[in-house]
Protein backbone atom coordinates (compact mmCIF):
# COMPACT_ATOMS: atom_id res chain seq x y z
CA UNK A 1 1.62 -29.81 -182.05
CA UNK A 2 1.85 -32.98 -180.65
CA UNK A 3 2.98 -35.04 -177.41
CA UNK A 4 4.31 -38.67 -177.26
CA UNK A 5 2.31 -41.27 -175.24
CA UNK A 6 3.84 -44.44 -174.14
CA UNK A 7 2.17 -46.96 -171.68
CA UNK A 8 4.64 -49.44 -169.76
CA UNK A 9 2.87 -52.72 -170.08
CA UNK A 10 5.13 -54.14 -167.01
CA UNK A 11 3.46 -51.18 -164.78
CA UNK A 12 -0.22 -51.25 -166.02
CA UNK A 13 -2.70 -52.91 -164.24
CA UNK A 14 -5.53 -52.25 -166.67
CA UNK A 15 -7.39 -50.26 -164.50
CA UNK A 16 -9.27 -48.37 -168.00
CA UNK A 17 -8.87 -44.79 -166.07
CA UNK A 18 -7.12 -43.40 -169.38
CA UNK A 19 -9.59 -44.78 -171.68
CA UNK A 20 -12.31 -43.46 -169.76
CA UNK A 21 -10.85 -39.93 -169.93
CA UNK A 22 -9.72 -39.95 -173.65
CA UNK A 23 -11.44 -43.44 -175.36
CA UNK A 24 -10.46 -41.82 -178.56
CA UNK A 25 -6.85 -41.78 -177.34
CA UNK A 26 -6.21 -44.62 -175.18
CA UNK A 27 -7.60 -48.25 -175.73
CA UNK A 28 -7.93 -51.19 -172.86
CA UNK A 29 -6.71 -54.40 -173.93
CA UNK A 30 -7.12 -57.82 -171.82
CA UNK A 31 -3.83 -57.39 -170.25
CA UNK A 32 -3.18 -53.51 -170.49
CA UNK A 33 -4.17 -50.02 -171.64
CA UNK A 34 -2.58 -48.71 -175.04
CA UNK A 35 -2.20 -45.54 -176.68
CA UNK A 36 -4.54 -45.53 -180.08
CA UNK A 37 -1.43 -43.68 -181.93
CA UNK A 38 2.03 -42.88 -180.37
CA UNK A 39 1.44 -38.91 -181.13
CA UNK A 40 -1.26 -37.63 -179.26
CA UNK A 41 -2.83 -33.85 -179.13
CA UNK A 42 -1.64 -31.39 -176.58
CA UNK A 43 -4.43 -31.30 -174.47
CA UNK A 44 -5.30 -31.39 -170.64
CA UNK A 45 -7.06 -34.45 -170.80
CA UNK A 46 -4.10 -36.22 -171.97
CA UNK A 47 -2.25 -35.22 -169.17
CA UNK A 48 -5.47 -35.69 -167.05
CA UNK A 49 -5.09 -39.80 -168.21
CA UNK A 50 -1.59 -39.77 -167.56
CA UNK A 51 -2.31 -38.24 -163.83
CA UNK A 52 -5.21 -40.50 -163.05
CA UNK A 53 -3.25 -43.52 -163.85
CA UNK A 54 -2.85 -45.60 -160.47
CA UNK A 55 -0.05 -47.27 -161.47
CA UNK A 56 1.82 -44.28 -162.80
CA UNK A 57 2.06 -46.28 -166.39
CA UNK A 58 1.25 -43.59 -168.47
CA UNK A 59 4.38 -41.40 -169.33
CA UNK A 60 3.69 -38.20 -171.70
CA UNK A 61 6.83 -36.27 -173.69
CA UNK A 62 7.24 -33.17 -175.36
CA UNK A 63 10.35 -34.15 -177.19
CA UNK A 64 12.82 -35.39 -174.55
CA UNK A 65 10.93 -33.46 -171.85
CA UNK A 66 8.30 -35.56 -169.96
CA UNK A 67 5.04 -33.72 -169.47
CA UNK A 68 3.24 -36.25 -167.63
CA UNK A 69 2.01 -37.40 -165.18
CA UNK A 70 2.55 -34.65 -163.36
CA UNK A 71 3.89 -34.34 -160.04
């Protein structure tokens, strides 16, 4: 199964936390991070990447349900 990952470019401050946690799933460009692909595996490190974002710019969805970042 897979989730969908989105990075809000308006909120992202390019801290690189997500790319550090999951470099095969998130990339850091000059201005902001981005998912390497829209669909990501249902793995704890995906949620860890969303949770670690200081700007809360990463959203992980399972269909229409938001699963990350966690409260």
